[in-house]
Protein backbone atom coordinates (compact mmCIF):
# COMPACT_ATOMS: atom_id res chain seq x y z
CA MET A 1 12.31 7.42 76.98
CA ARG A 2 8.82 6.68 75.63
CA PHE A 3 8.73 10.16 74.10
CA GLU A 4 11.95 9.46 72.12
CA ILE A 5 10.38 6.18 70.76
CA MET A 6 7.56 8.15 69.56
CA ILE A 7 9.74 10.68 67.93
CA ARG A 8 11.80 8.01 66.28
CA SER A 9 8.66 5.99 64.97
CA THR A 10 7.46 9.32 63.53
CA ARG A 11 10.49 9.88 61.77
CA VAL A 12 10.56 6.34 60.39
CA ALA A 13 7.02 6.73 59.12
CA VAL A 14 7.62 10.11 57.49
CA LEU A 15 10.67 8.61 55.89
CA VAL A 16 8.83 5.60 54.48
CA ALA A 17 5.84 7.92 53.38
CA THR A 18 8.33 10.26 51.46
CA MET A 19 10.06 7.18 49.89
CA THR A 20 6.64 5.77 48.66
CA LEU A 21 5.68 9.24 47.24
CA ALA A 22 8.94 9.44 45.57
CA GLY A 23 8.45 6.01 43.86
CA CYS A 24 5.28 7.53 42.41
CA ALA A 25 7.15 9.78 40.41
CA PHE A 26 9.77 7.55 39.20
CA ALA A 27 7.99 6.85 35.76
CA PRO A 28 7.50 9.28 33.01
CA PRO A 29 3.97 10.31 32.17
CA ALA A 30 2.09 7.21 30.83
CA LYS A 31 -0.23 9.42 28.61
CA PRO A 32 1.14 10.53 25.45
CA PRO A 33 1.04 14.17 24.55
CA ALA A 34 -2.06 15.30 23.00
CA PRO A 35 -2.21 14.44 19.24
CA PRO A 36 -2.79 16.97 16.47
CA THR A 37 -6.46 17.71 15.61
CA PRO A 38 -6.63 18.49 11.81
CA ALA A 39 -9.75 20.40 10.48
CA HIS A 40 -10.32 17.78 7.99
CA TYR A 41 -8.60 14.57 6.90
CA ALA A 42 -7.49 15.24 3.21
CA VAL A 43 -6.22 18.21 1.59
CA GLN A 44 -9.59 19.16 0.77
CA PRO A 45 -12.63 19.02 3.22
CA THR A 46 -14.85 15.86 3.07
CA PRO A 47 -17.82 16.43 1.00
CA ALA A 48 -21.18 15.43 2.49
CA ASP A 49 -21.82 13.19 -0.66
CA SER A 50 -19.63 11.50 -3.12
CA ALA A 51 -20.20 11.99 -6.99
CA LYS A 52 -23.11 9.96 -8.09
CA ALA A 53 -22.34 6.43 -10.10
CA ASP A 54 -24.62 3.63 -10.66
CA ASP A 55 -27.41 6.22 -9.53
CA VAL A 56 -25.97 5.86 -6.16
CA ALA A 57 -24.17 8.90 -4.30
CA GLN A 58 -22.63 7.67 -1.15
CA HIS A 59 -23.41 9.98 1.86
CA PHE A 60 -20.47 10.49 4.29
CA SER A 61 -21.98 10.83 7.70
CA LEU A 62 -19.47 13.30 9.42
CA GLY A 63 -19.31 12.75 13.10
CA ALA A 64 -20.82 9.32 13.13
CA ARG A 65 -19.64 6.35 15.11
CA ALA A 66 -17.81 3.32 13.51
CA VAL A 67 -20.00 0.38 12.38
CA PRO A 68 -19.22 -2.94 14.22
CA ALA A 69 -20.53 -5.44 11.57
CA TRP A 70 -20.06 -3.10 8.59
CA TRP A 71 -20.05 -5.94 5.90
CA ARG A 72 -23.68 -6.54 6.50
CA LEU A 73 -24.32 -3.28 4.83
CA TYR A 74 -23.36 -5.07 1.45
CA GLY A 75 -26.75 -6.90 1.71
CA SER A 76 -25.54 -10.33 0.99
CA ASP A 77 -26.21 -13.18 3.29
CA THR A 78 -23.43 -15.39 1.70
CA LEU A 79 -20.70 -12.57 2.42
CA ASP A 80 -22.06 -12.37 5.93
CA ALA A 81 -21.76 -16.17 6.50
CA TRP A 82 -18.01 -16.03 4.92
CA VAL A 83 -17.20 -13.44 7.30
CA ASP A 84 -18.65 -15.17 10.11
CA GLU A 85 -16.96 -18.51 9.32
CA GLY A 86 -13.50 -16.64 8.99
CA LEU A 87 -13.74 -14.93 12.16
CA ARG A 88 -14.52 -18.54 13.55
CA ASN A 89 -12.21 -20.63 11.95
CA ASN A 90 -9.06 -18.31 10.81
CA PRO A 91 -6.11 -20.12 12.58
CA SER A 92 -4.10 -16.71 12.54
CA LEU A 93 -6.76 -15.06 14.41
CA ALA A 94 -7.15 -18.09 16.78
CA ALA A 95 -3.40 -17.93 17.58
CA THR A 96 -3.76 -14.17 18.23
CA GLN A 97 -6.73 -15.03 20.74
CA HIS A 98 -4.76 -17.60 22.32
CA THR A 99 -1.67 -15.46 22.81
CA LEU A 100 -3.88 -12.67 24.36
CA GLU A 101 -5.48 -15.41 26.70
CA ALA A 102 -1.89 -16.41 27.86
CA ALA A 103 -0.95 -12.75 28.51
CA HIS A 104 -4.04 -12.32 30.74
CA GLN A 105 -2.88 -15.30 32.65
CA LEU A 106 0.76 -14.40 33.08
CA LEU A 107 -0.49 -10.92 34.44
CA ARG A 108 -2.62 -12.70 37.02
CA ALA A 109 0.56 -14.79 37.89
CA GLN A 110 2.36 -11.86 38.20
CA VAL A 111 0.06 -9.99 40.48
CA GLY A 112 -0.37 -12.96 42.68
CA ALA A 113 3.30 -13.74 42.93
CA ASN A 114 4.35 -10.15 43.71
CA MET A 115 1.65 -8.27 45.36
CA LEU A 116 0.51 -10.76 48.00
CA PRO A 117 2.76 -12.76 50.46
CA THR A 118 3.62 -16.42 49.48
CA LEU A 119 3.15 -19.28 51.93
CA ASP A 120 4.70 -22.69 51.03
CA ALA A 121 4.39 -25.82 52.87
CA GLN A 122 7.73 -27.84 53.15
CA GLY A 123 8.66 -31.32 54.06
CA GLN A 124 12.18 -32.82 54.51
CA THR A 125 13.74 -36.12 55.49
CA SER A 126 17.36 -36.98 55.38
CA ARG A 127 20.01 -39.52 56.68
CA GLN A 128 23.12 -37.65 58.12
CA ARG A 129 26.49 -38.66 59.19
CA ALA A 130 28.36 -36.53 61.57
CA LEU A 131 31.74 -36.50 63.28
CA GLY A 132 31.43 -37.32 67.07
CA PHE A 133 33.27 -35.56 69.80
CA PRO A 134 37.05 -36.73 70.31
CA GLY A 135 37.38 -39.43 73.23
CA ILE A 136 33.56 -39.14 73.69
CA GLY A 137 31.41 -41.82 72.13
CA PRO A 138 31.72 -43.23 68.56
CA PRO A 139 33.97 -41.19 66.00
CA THR A 140 30.71 -40.65 63.88
CA ASN A 141 27.20 -40.60 64.48
CA LEU A 142 24.44 -41.66 61.93
CA TYR A 143 21.05 -40.19 62.55
CA ASP A 144 17.69 -39.44 60.58
CA VAL A 145 16.18 -35.93 60.52
CA TYR A 146 12.51 -35.22 59.69
CA ALA A 147 11.29 -31.80 59.29
CA GLY A 148 8.06 -29.86 58.31
CA GLN A 149 7.37 -26.22 58.21
CA LEU A 150 5.35 -23.41 56.66
CA ALA A 151 7.44 -20.66 55.13
CA LEU A 152 6.11 -17.08 54.57
CA SER A 153 7.67 -14.44 52.53
CA TYR A 154 6.84 -10.84 51.39
CA ASN A 155 8.66 -8.12 49.35
CA PHE A 156 7.84 -4.67 50.37
CA ASP A 157 7.43 -2.45 47.41
CA LEU A 158 8.62 0.77 48.65
CA PHE A 159 9.77 2.41 45.51
CA GLY A 160 7.27 0.93 43.16
CA ALA A 161 9.28 -1.62 41.47
CA THR A 162 6.73 -4.33 41.65
CA ARG A 163 3.93 -1.95 40.84
CA HIS A 164 5.44 -0.51 37.78
CA GLY A 165 6.29 -4.17 36.69
CA ILE A 166 2.66 -5.07 36.80
CA GLU A 167 1.58 -1.79 35.18
CA GLN A 168 3.88 -2.62 32.47
CA THR A 169 2.55 -6.15 31.84
CA ALA A 170 -1.09 -4.87 32.21
CA ALA A 171 -0.14 -2.27 29.45
CA GLN A 172 1.12 -5.02 27.27
CA VAL A 173 -1.90 -7.09 27.77
CA ASP A 174 -3.89 -3.95 26.54
CA GLN A 175 -1.81 -3.76 23.61
CA GLN A 176 -2.26 -7.46 22.69
CA SER A 177 -5.82 -6.95 23.09
CA TYR A 178 -6.16 -4.04 20.79
CA GLU A 179 -3.90 -6.08 18.13
CA PHE A 180 -6.51 -8.71 18.59
CA ASP A 181 -9.17 -6.16 17.55
CA ALA A 182 -7.27 -4.90 14.88
CA ALA A 183 -6.60 -8.38 13.64
CA LYS A 184 -10.39 -9.22 13.59
CA ARG A 185 -11.26 -6.08 11.64
CA ALA A 186 -8.51 -6.40 9.16
CA LEU A 187 -9.65 -10.24 8.74
CA ALA A 188 -13.07 -9.20 7.84
CA ALA A 189 -11.97 -6.40 5.66
CA ASN A 190 -9.78 -8.79 3.76
CA ILE A 191 -12.55 -11.49 3.23
CA VAL A 192 -14.90 -8.75 1.95
CA ILE A 193 -12.34 -7.34 -0.41
CA ALA A 194 -11.02 -10.82 -1.49
CA ALA A 195 -14.81 -11.66 -2.20
CA ILE A 196 -14.98 -8.48 -4.35
CA ASN A 197 -11.77 -9.25 -6.18
CA ALA A 198 -12.72 -12.85 -6.96
CA ALA A 199 -16.12 -11.69 -8.40
CA SER A 200 -14.34 -9.04 -10.42
CA LEU A 201 -11.55 -11.20 -11.69
CA ALA A 202 -14.13 -13.80 -12.73
CA GLU A 203 -16.37 -11.37 -14.70
CA GLN A 204 -13.41 -9.81 -16.23
CA LEU A 205 -12.02 -13.20 -17.10
CA SER A 206 -15.39 -13.86 -18.94
CA THR A 207 -15.38 -10.46 -20.67
CA SER A 208 -11.79 -10.91 -21.73
CA GLU A 209 -12.63 -14.41 -23.37
CA ARG A 210 -15.57 -12.87 -25.19
CA LEU A 211 -13.04 -10.11 -26.47
CA SER A 212 -10.62 -12.93 -27.63
CA THR A 213 -13.45 -14.79 -29.58
CA LEU A 214 -14.31 -11.60 -31.28
CA ALA A 215 -10.68 -10.74 -32.06
CA HIS A 216 -9.91 -14.11 -33.76
CA GLU A 217 -13.31 -13.61 -35.43
CA GLN A 218 -12.33 -10.17 -36.67
CA ALA A 219 -8.77 -11.67 -37.84
CA ALA A 220 -10.50 -14.51 -39.68
CA LEU A 221 -12.78 -12.05 -41.65
CA THR A 222 -9.85 -9.78 -42.35
CA GLU A 223 -7.92 -12.77 -43.70
CA ARG A 224 -10.98 -13.62 -45.87
CA SER A 225 -11.19 -10.11 -47.13
CA TYR A 226 -7.37 -10.36 -48.12
CA ARG A 227 -7.99 -13.26 -50.05
CA LEU A 228 -10.57 -11.40 -51.82
CA GLY A 229 -8.32 -8.54 -52.41
CA ALA A 230 -10.21 -6.32 -50.16
CA ALA A 231 -7.82 -6.10 -47.45
CA SER A 232 -3.77 -5.93 -47.12
CA GLN A 233 -1.67 -8.32 -45.66
CA ASP A 234 -0.78 -5.60 -43.11
CA ASP A 235 -4.59 -5.54 -41.93
CA VAL A 236 -4.14 -9.30 -41.54
CA LEU A 237 -1.26 -9.16 -39.45
CA ALA A 238 -2.56 -6.31 -37.36
CA MET A 239 -5.73 -8.09 -36.56
CA GLN A 240 -3.83 -11.36 -35.67
CA GLN A 241 -1.62 -9.38 -33.49
CA GLN A 242 -4.42 -7.88 -31.63
CA ALA A 243 -6.08 -11.35 -31.06
CA ALA A 244 -2.57 -12.76 -29.78
CA SER A 245 -2.38 -9.69 -27.50
CA ILE A 246 -5.82 -10.33 -25.94
CA ASP A 247 -4.92 -14.17 -25.71
CA THR A 248 -1.84 -13.20 -23.67
CA SER A 249 -3.77 -11.39 -21.09
CA ILE A 250 -6.20 -14.23 -20.29
CA PRO A 251 -3.73 -16.96 -18.67
CA PRO A 252 -2.54 -14.28 -16.25
CA LEU A 253 -6.12 -13.07 -15.49
CA ARG A 254 -7.23 -16.78 -15.05
CA SER A 255 -4.36 -17.30 -12.46
CA GLN A 256 -5.35 -14.22 -10.56
CA ALA A 257 -8.82 -15.17 -10.35
CA LEU A 258 -7.96 -18.61 -9.04
CA ARG A 259 -5.42 -17.14 -6.59
CA ALA A 260 -8.30 -14.76 -5.25
CA ARG A 261 -10.37 -17.84 -4.74
CA HIS A 262 -7.68 -19.57 -2.95
CA ALA A 263 -6.86 -16.64 -0.78
CA LEU A 264 -10.45 -16.35 0.09
CA ALA A 265 -10.67 -20.00 1.21
CA VAL A 266 -7.51 -19.83 3.44
CA LEU A 267 -8.80 -16.36 5.05
CA MET A 268 -12.03 -18.31 5.75
CA GLY A 269 -10.11 -21.45 7.33
CA ARG A 270 -10.52 -23.71 4.53
CA THR A 271 -8.10 -25.38 2.28
CA PRO A 272 -7.83 -23.94 -1.44
CA ASP A 273 -9.68 -26.80 -2.97
CA GLN A 274 -12.73 -25.96 -0.63
CA ALA A 275 -12.97 -22.45 -1.91
CA PRO A 276 -16.53 -21.11 -2.16
CA SER A 277 -18.10 -20.22 -5.56
CA ASN A 278 -17.87 -16.71 -6.67
CA LEU A 279 -20.39 -14.07 -5.96
CA THR A 280 -21.18 -11.38 -8.64
CA LEU A 281 -20.81 -7.76 -8.33
CA ALA A 282 -24.58 -7.59 -8.85
CA GLN A 283 -25.07 -9.68 -5.52
CA LEU A 284 -23.47 -7.04 -3.71
CA HIS A 285 -24.94 -3.63 -2.96
CA LEU A 286 -22.86 -0.69 -2.23
CA PRO A 287 -23.37 0.84 1.12
CA VAL A 288 -24.94 4.21 0.94
CA ASP A 289 -24.32 5.69 4.35
CA VAL A 290 -20.59 5.71 5.35
CA PRO A 291 -19.64 6.85 8.89
CA VAL A 292 -16.81 9.26 9.10
CA SER A 293 -15.68 9.93 12.54
CA VAL A 294 -14.18 13.30 13.62
CA PRO A 295 -10.32 12.87 14.20
CA SER A 296 -10.70 12.95 18.19
CA ASP A 297 -13.11 10.22 17.93
CA LEU A 298 -11.02 8.06 15.43
CA LEU A 299 -8.16 7.97 17.76
CA GLN A 300 -10.39 6.28 20.32
CA GLN A 301 -11.75 3.77 17.82
CA ARG A 302 -8.56 2.90 15.91
CA PRO A 303 -7.05 -0.36 17.65
CA ASP A 304 -3.47 0.36 16.19
CA VAL A 305 -3.45 3.85 17.70
CA LEU A 306 -4.88 2.45 20.94
CA ALA A 307 -2.16 -0.17 20.83
CA ALA A 308 0.63 2.22 20.31
CA GLU A 309 -0.91 4.27 23.33
CA ALA A 310 -0.69 1.09 25.45
CA SER A 311 2.98 0.73 24.25
CA VAL A 312 3.75 4.11 25.68
CA ARG A 313 2.18 3.20 29.07
CA ALA A 314 4.17 0.14 29.18
CA ALA A 315 7.43 1.80 28.47
CA SER A 316 6.65 4.38 31.03
CA ALA A 317 6.17 1.67 33.62
CA GLN A 318 9.52 0.01 32.46
CA VAL A 319 11.34 3.35 33.25
CA GLY A 320 9.53 3.18 36.82
CA VAL A 321 10.88 -0.42 37.21
CA ALA A 322 14.34 0.67 36.10
CA THR A 323 14.48 3.52 38.49
CA ALA A 324 12.99 1.62 41.58
CA ASN A 325 15.86 -1.00 41.04
CA LEU A 326 18.42 1.71 42.03
CA PHE A 327 16.82 2.07 45.50
CA PRO A 328 16.63 -0.58 48.50
CA HIS A 329 14.78 -3.77 48.47
CA ILE A 330 13.08 -4.92 51.67
CA SER A 331 11.75 -8.39 52.24
CA LEU A 332 10.23 -10.29 55.17
CA SER A 333 10.45 -13.97 55.69
CA ALA A 334 9.04 -16.30 58.42
CA ALA A 335 8.99 -19.86 59.01
CA LEU A 336 7.23 -22.13 61.64
CA GLY A 337 7.30 -25.89 62.03
CA SER A 338 8.62 -28.91 63.70
CA ALA A 339 11.74 -31.05 63.44
CA ALA A 340 12.79 -34.24 64.96
CA PHE A 341 15.10 -37.53 64.93
CA LYS A 342 11.99 -39.77 64.83
CA PRO A 343 8.77 -39.25 62.97
CA ALA A 344 6.69 -39.75 66.05
CA ASN A 345 8.29 -36.71 67.56
CA LEU A 346 7.37 -34.58 64.86
CA PHE A 347 4.81 -31.62 65.70
CA THR A 348 5.33 -31.91 69.42
CA ALA A 349 6.34 -28.97 71.74
CA SER A 350 9.95 -30.18 71.94
CA GLY A 351 10.29 -30.23 68.13
CA SER A 352 8.96 -26.81 67.31
CA ILE A 353 11.27 -24.51 65.12
CA TRP A 354 10.51 -21.20 63.95
CA SER A 355 12.45 -18.23 62.29
CA ALA A 356 11.74 -14.73 61.19
CA GLY A 357 13.91 -11.96 59.64
CA VAL A 358 13.91 -9.01 57.38
CA SER A 359 16.57 -8.38 54.62
CA LEU A 360 17.52 -4.98 53.21
CA THR A 361 19.57 -4.82 49.90
CA GLN A 362 20.91 -1.61 48.60
CA PRO A 363 22.57 -1.73 45.18
CA ILE A 364 25.99 -0.12 45.52
CA PHE A 365 28.20 -1.19 42.49
CA HIS A 366 26.97 -3.02 39.51
CA GLY A 367 29.34 -1.82 36.76
CA GLY A 368 27.06 0.73 35.78
CA ALA A 369 24.41 -1.78 34.77
CA LEU A 370 21.51 -0.45 36.67
CA MET A 371 21.88 3.22 35.29
CA ALA A 372 22.46 1.78 31.78
CA GLN A 373 19.11 -0.27 32.03
CA ARG A 374 17.17 3.22 33.28
CA LYS A 375 18.73 5.04 30.28
CA ALA A 376 17.61 2.34 28.01
CA ALA A 377 14.30 2.41 29.51
CA ILE A 378 13.99 6.30 28.78
CA ALA A 379 15.32 5.70 25.35
CA SER A 380 12.49 3.14 24.85
CA TYR A 381 10.00 5.38 26.24
CA ASN A 382 11.05 8.17 23.91
CA ALA A 383 10.88 5.83 20.98
CA SER A 384 7.30 4.68 21.86
CA LEU A 385 6.17 8.38 21.93
CA ALA A 386 7.60 8.68 18.63
CA GLN A 387 5.67 5.56 17.29
CA TYR A 388 2.54 6.78 19.11
CA GLN A 389 2.89 9.96 16.78
CA GLN A 390 3.62 8.04 13.66
CA ALA A 391 0.53 5.61 14.38
CA VAL A 392 -1.68 8.83 14.74
CA LEU A 393 -0.32 10.37 11.30
CA ASN A 394 -0.82 7.00 9.78
CA ALA A 395 -4.50 6.69 10.99
CA PHE A 396 -5.27 10.26 9.47
CA GLN A 397 -3.56 9.35 6.13
CA ASN A 398 -5.62 5.97 5.92
CA VAL A 399 -8.75 7.88 6.31
CA ALA A 400 -7.64 10.57 3.86
CA ASP A 401 -6.67 8.27 1.32
CA THR A 402 -9.58 6.08 1.36
CA LEU A 403 -11.92 9.07 1.21
CA THR A 404 -10.10 10.54 -1.75
CA ALA A 405 -10.15 6.98 -3.44
CA LEU A 406 -13.96 6.78 -2.91
CA ASN A 407 -14.44 10.32 -4.55
CA GLN A 408 -12.49 9.52 -7.53
CA ASP A 409 -13.78 5.88 -7.73
CA ALA A 410 -17.48 7.26 -8.24
CA LEU A 411 -16.16 9.73 -10.85
CA THR A 412 -14.22 6.75 -12.65
CA LEU A 413 -17.08 4.53 -12.42
CA GLN A 414 -19.53 7.43 -13.65
CA ALA A 415 -17.30 7.72 -16.84
CA ALA A 416 -16.82 3.96 -17.25
CA THR A 417 -20.71 3.63 -16.95
CA ASP A 418 -21.30 6.49 -19.56
CA GLU A 419 -18.84 4.85 -21.91
CA ALA A 420 -20.49 1.52 -21.37
CA ALA A 421 -24.06 2.96 -22.03
CA ALA A 422 -22.69 4.56 -25.17
CA ALA A 423 -21.07 1.51 -26.31
CA SER A 424 -24.12 -0.62 -25.72
CA GLN A 425 -26.35 1.74 -27.59
CA SER A 426 -24.14 1.83 -30.42
CA PHE A 427 -23.82 -1.87 -30.66
CA THR A 428 -27.65 -2.25 -30.57
CA ASP A 429 -27.94 0.21 -33.42
CA THR A 430 -25.19 -1.45 -35.36
CA ASP A 431 -26.60 -5.03 -34.80
CA ALA A 432 -30.07 -3.75 -36.02
CA ARG A 433 -28.68 -2.21 -38.91
CA TYR A 434 -26.63 -5.44 -39.71
CA ARG A 435 -29.69 -7.29 -39.56
CA LEU A 436 -31.45 -5.04 -42.10
CA GLY A 437 -28.38 -5.26 -44.31
CA ALA A 438 -27.28 -1.78 -43.91
CA VAL A 439 -23.78 -2.65 -42.50
CA SER A 440 -21.43 -5.41 -42.94
CA TYR A 441 -20.91 -8.18 -40.24
CA PRO A 442 -17.22 -6.97 -39.51
CA GLU A 443 -18.51 -3.64 -38.39
CA ALA A 444 -20.92 -5.41 -35.96
CA VAL A 445 -17.90 -7.18 -34.62
CA ILE A 446 -15.98 -4.35 -33.88
CA SER A 447 -18.91 -2.61 -32.47
CA GLU A 448 -19.18 -5.62 -29.86
CA GLN A 449 -15.67 -5.25 -29.29
CA HIS A 450 -15.93 -1.61 -28.21
CA LEU A 451 -18.99 -2.85 -26.04
CA GLN A 452 -16.83 -5.57 -24.09
CA SER A 453 -13.89 -3.19 -23.64
CA ALA A 454 -16.20 -0.61 -22.12
CA LYS A 455 -17.70 -3.51 -19.94
CA LEU A 456 -14.19 -4.44 -18.81
CA SER A 457 -13.46 -0.89 -17.60
CA GLU A 458 -16.84 -0.60 -15.82
CA ILE A 459 -16.25 -4.05 -14.07
CA GLN A 460 -12.90 -2.86 -12.74
CA ALA A 461 -14.32 0.66 -11.67
CA ARG A 462 -17.20 -0.94 -9.93
CA ALA A 463 -14.98 -3.32 -8.11
CA ALA A 464 -12.76 -0.60 -6.75
CA ARG A 465 -15.47 1.32 -5.54
CA MET A 466 -16.83 -1.40 -3.29
CA SER A 467 -13.38 -2.50 -2.26
CA ASP A 468 -12.33 1.17 -1.27
CA THR A 469 -15.59 1.44 0.57
CA ALA A 470 -14.71 -1.77 2.67
CA ALA A 471 -11.17 -0.12 3.38
CA LEU A 472 -12.77 3.16 4.59
CA PHE A 473 -15.24 1.26 6.99
CA GLN A 474 -12.00 -0.62 8.38
CA SER A 475 -10.06 2.74 8.68
CA MET A 476 -12.86 3.97 10.89
CA GLY A 477 -11.62 1.24 13.60
CA THR A 478 -13.77 -0.42 16.35
CA PRO A 479 -16.63 1.62 18.27
CA PRO A 480 -15.87 2.04 21.82
CA ALA A 481 -17.87 -0.06 24.28
CA ALA A 482 -20.87 1.64 25.76
CA PRO A 483 -20.48 2.47 29.45
CA ARG A 484 -22.31 0.17 31.85
């Protein structure tokens, strides 16, 4: 008899172990397939150095790690203070941080509620009316009931429903954590780019206003020449049209400059009326050494890619939950306490009560809901795999585009600088000749107009190079934490 009991116990243990191991295979792979590893980001290999402009050729440090506080490389204490203020005070970032903290706490609650037994203290008091026995005593009885007990319950996770549910929540917490990292870096980049944009627009506005003054002066000189018979009316109308065209561009430019300052203030957590004064482009130094991580390292640094990978883990765990829900659920419950009709008799030997039980629930028919939920979870998992692959491709494209832009920015700035230098030399020579009486004043005005137009192009090209450098730093992501 004892031998038969041992055999039965062994069979039960083997069955439980088999079911537990089966539960481990209920979810598809939590790690997405290996992403592609391109030889280089763009169509053309990344050069070691960009073209030289403003006497600076940026060096692309291939294989280097991402820089954490990269905005400090612009060499402006004011810009550093603006970024730090934004990271402290931006409401959107604060909301993301609080949401992440809430997710952490919900994960802790889920672990505590599902992985460990629950123990509750219960107390009850009631007054009841019951029917008496016919012919014996009063027809009804009134009495009070007092009870107190400890209730214990525990759900056995034989098929991994609880474990996979916790894995899903943990992966969602990881996803929100990476999204928070991405939000921080995006905020820093947006503040830097907004500061560069505001500085550029302010300088473009000043240059455009000078162009407007020169255009009106040239129109007045042409009209004077027309009165003297040295110019035609068409010449006068052409100059007036040119001046009006420049005037038309100034209000939108002024609006853009003010809107850029307003945007910068809001990014920093200020109201628009508290927008800081503009920096100048001369106060910002273009970073010379720019890290360019290899593609395999990039995917471990980009928060958006890591968030997509965490989404795959969450979707995999959801499939495990939906699969485990097709199998039996076993729970244990027990209670120990005391009950009496008088408070004085509580917690005495005669009032002791207890209960213990095990329940097993096997789903049989739910109208196909459980199978449909599992198929939906599998479809969501496949969607997350596709979204991960797209996130990887977007990351590679982001880096390729910014690298390409930086190379072209340097060439554009070099051409704009050469044009401005030539225009400046021409204006210097023309102005000197005008002072000597060798050329007329209108020729000096035209020469300065060419100079201001060249400066306008140079300002735009210089700002674009600085902004695209910030975009490249952001595209490199966040360096992984050093192992402890």
